[in-house]
């Protein structure tokens, strides 16, 4: 049986939790952008984040800062809500 997504995620979380967190947030941002039919160019216009930067982040070529993620989330009309849950 192959390695599951959860296994890969958990392994990455142990080795680089910050990158894992940022990558998961970016995946959700991209999902919202695509679901709401917002182009990278439009997201760039709304957020002030260059389109080239958004493209590089979405293709995995760069890891965004938390500040950039907040800008993108806010420009989509969302807010980041987080919680800590017991294992």
Protein backbone atom coordinates (compact mmCIF):
# COMPACT_ATOMS: atom_id res chain seq x y z
CA UNK A 1 0.00 0.00 0.00
CA UNK A 2 1.32 3.47 -0.93
CA UNK A 3 1.98 6.50 1.20
CA UNK A 4 -1.11 8.58 1.88
CA UNK A 5 -1.44 12.35 1.70
CA UNK A 6 -1.86 12.41 5.48
CA UNK A 7 1.42 10.52 5.92
CA UNK A 8 3.27 12.96 3.67
CA UNK A 9 1.67 15.96 5.39
CA UNK A 10 2.55 14.65 8.85
CA UNK A 11 6.16 13.98 7.82
CA UNK A 12 6.49 17.47 6.35
CA UNK A 13 4.86 18.98 9.43
CA UNK A 14 7.61 17.41 11.55
CA UNK A 15 10.44 18.64 9.33
CA UNK A 16 9.11 22.09 8.33
CA UNK A 17 5.89 23.08 10.13
CA UNK A 18 6.01 26.71 8.99
CA UNK A 19 6.23 25.80 5.30
CA UNK A 20 3.49 23.21 5.76
CA UNK A 21 1.19 25.78 7.37
CA UNK A 22 1.84 28.36 4.66
CA UNK A 23 1.41 25.82 1.86
CA UNK A 24 -1.94 24.65 3.26
CA UNK A 25 -3.16 28.24 3.57
CA UNK A 26 -2.06 28.99 0.03
CA UNK A 27 -3.91 25.91 -1.22
CA UNK A 28 -7.09 27.16 0.40
CA UNK A 29 -6.58 30.65 -1.03
CA UNK A 30 -6.07 29.20 -4.51
CA UNK A 31 -9.20 27.08 -4.09
CA UNK A 32 -11.27 30.13 -3.16
CA UNK A 33 -9.79 32.12 -6.05
CA UNK A 34 -10.64 29.41 -8.56
CA UNK A 35 -14.08 28.64 -7.09
CA UNK A 36 -15.01 32.32 -7.26
CA UNK A 37 -13.54 32.60 -10.78
CA UNK A 38 -11.00 35.27 -9.81
CA UNK A 39 -7.91 35.42 -12.00
CA UNK A 40 -4.43 35.83 -10.62
CA UNK A 41 -4.37 39.26 -12.24
CA UNK A 42 -7.55 40.30 -10.45
CA UNK A 43 -6.25 38.97 -7.14
CA UNK A 44 -3.06 40.93 -7.75
CA UNK A 45 -5.04 44.10 -8.38
CA UNK A 46 -7.10 43.63 -5.24
CA UNK A 47 -4.23 42.66 -2.94
CA UNK A 48 -1.29 44.64 -4.27
CA UNK A 49 0.72 41.41 -4.53
CA UNK A 50 2.35 41.17 -7.98
CA UNK A 51 0.70 38.60 -10.29
CA UNK A 52 4.10 37.03 -10.94
CA UNK A 53 4.49 36.46 -7.19
CA UNK A 54 1.05 34.85 -6.96
CA UNK A 55 1.91 32.59 -9.90
CA UNK A 56 5.24 31.55 -8.34
CA UNK A 57 3.57 30.80 -5.01
CA UNK A 58 0.74 28.78 -6.57
CA UNK A 59 3.18 26.74 -8.64
CA UNK A 60 5.31 25.97 -5.58
CA UNK A 61 8.34 27.98 -6.71
CA UNK A 62 8.25 30.28 -3.69
CA UNK A 63 6.85 30.25 -0.18
CA UNK A 64 4.80 33.30 0.81
CA UNK A 65 5.23 35.29 3.97
CA UNK A 66 2.41 35.34 6.50
CA UNK A 67 1.92 39.03 5.62
CA UNK A 68 1.38 38.15 1.95
CA UNK A 69 -1.06 35.38 2.85
CA UNK A 70 -3.08 37.80 4.99
CA UNK A 71 -3.20 40.30 2.10
CA UNK A 72 -4.51 37.63 -0.25
CA UNK A 73 -7.07 36.33 2.24
CA UNK A 74 -8.32 39.84 3.00
CA UNK A 75 -8.53 40.82 -0.67
CA UNK A 76 -10.79 37.80 -1.30
CA UNK A 77 -13.17 39.03 1.41
CA UNK A 78 -12.20 36.39 3.97
CA UNK A 79 -10.47 36.42 7.33
CA UNK A 80 -8.10 33.90 8.80
CA UNK A 81 -9.61 32.08 11.77
CA UNK A 82 -7.51 29.58 13.63
CA UNK A 83 -7.88 27.32 16.59
CA UNK A 84 -5.83 24.89 18.60
CA UNK A 85 -7.45 21.51 19.09
CA UNK A 86 -6.53 18.61 21.33
CA UNK A 87 -4.89 15.66 19.57
